[in-house]
Amino acid sequence: MLLAYDNRKIYFDLAGPQGAPTVCFTHSLNADGGMWVEQMVPLLGAGYRVLRLDMRGHGGSSPVEGDYTMDALAADVKGALDVLGIAKVHFVGLSIGGMIGQGFALACPDRLLSLTLCDTQPSTPPGSTASWDERKAIVRKAGSLTALADSTMERWFTDEFKKVNPTRWREVRDTISNTTPAGFLGCASAIQNFNYEDRLPTIKVPTLVICGDEDAGTPPDRNQLIASRIPGGRYEGIAKARHLPNVERPEQFNRVLMGFLGMNR
C-alpha cells in the first residue's frame, strides 16, 4: 500500500489487529520491507500489529534526488506514523534502518515503546569514506545496483546460506538489483555523514541490540558500543550469521526479539 507524504509516496505493509501493539520495521540499504518476512509469522501469531516501511527509493517508495540525511530519513518514519495514525511503536531497524532508529529515538522519544537495533553503527564507520565513494561511483557509471549485488550478498550472508536456501538468496539479491540508484546514492550519503554516539545516553526507552557474530561491515564491537552507551541497553550476538541474521538465522533471531518484545509489551 502507498501513503502520501511530502509530495511523494511511501510504500508500507500493515498487518495485524487494529489496536494491538505495533512493531515498526525499517530495512537495510538496498533492501525493502520483504527482508522481514521471516519475522511476520511469530509476530502476528503473538497478536502484534506489524508495519513495514520502505525507505526512499527502495521497494515501492518514491526516490528522492540528492543526498539524504539520517535525520530526514527518521522524519520519514514519523511522517508515515502520523499519516497512519499510529501513536507509539516497538521500533526494529537493521543496518541503515538501525541508524534511522537511533535518529528516531532521539527526535521522537514519545513515539517509542521499545527500540531494537540490528547490525548497525552509531556513527559513520571509521575509515569508510573511500569505500562508499567507490560504490557510489560504480552505481553512477552503471546506472543500476546490479554491479554491487554479488559483493553485497557476500557481506550479508555466509557461504552456507546460499547452499541451504538458494531461493531466498535469489530473492534478496534481486531486491538489491531493483533498488533505484537515487535511493542508494542518497542513503549512502546519509551513512557517510552522521554521528549519534554522544547522544545515545539520552535514550531512555528499553533497547535491544542484535548483531551477527560474523558481520564485518557493521561489526559486533560497534553494536556492543551502542548497547553500552544506552542506559540499560542489552546486546545479543547471533552465531554463524553475517549482516542479515534475521534472514539467515531466523529461529535464533526471533527467539531473542520475541522475548524482548514480550518483556516490554
Foldseek 3Di string as FASTA:
>chain_A
DWDDDPNWIKDKDKDFDPPFAEEEEEEAQLAFQVLQPLQPVVQRVVRYIYMTIGFAQADPTDHDADAAALLVRLVVVVRVCVRVVQQAHAYEYAASGLCNQLSNCVVPVRRYLEYEYELYAQAQPPPCVVVLVVQLVVCVVVQWQLVVLVVVLVLFWPPVQCVVPVPVSVVSSVSSRSGGSRSNRRSSNNSNGTHCLVVQCVRAHHYEYEYECARPVSHPVRSVSSQVNHVNRYYDYDYRGYRSCCNRVVVVVNVVVVVSVVVRD
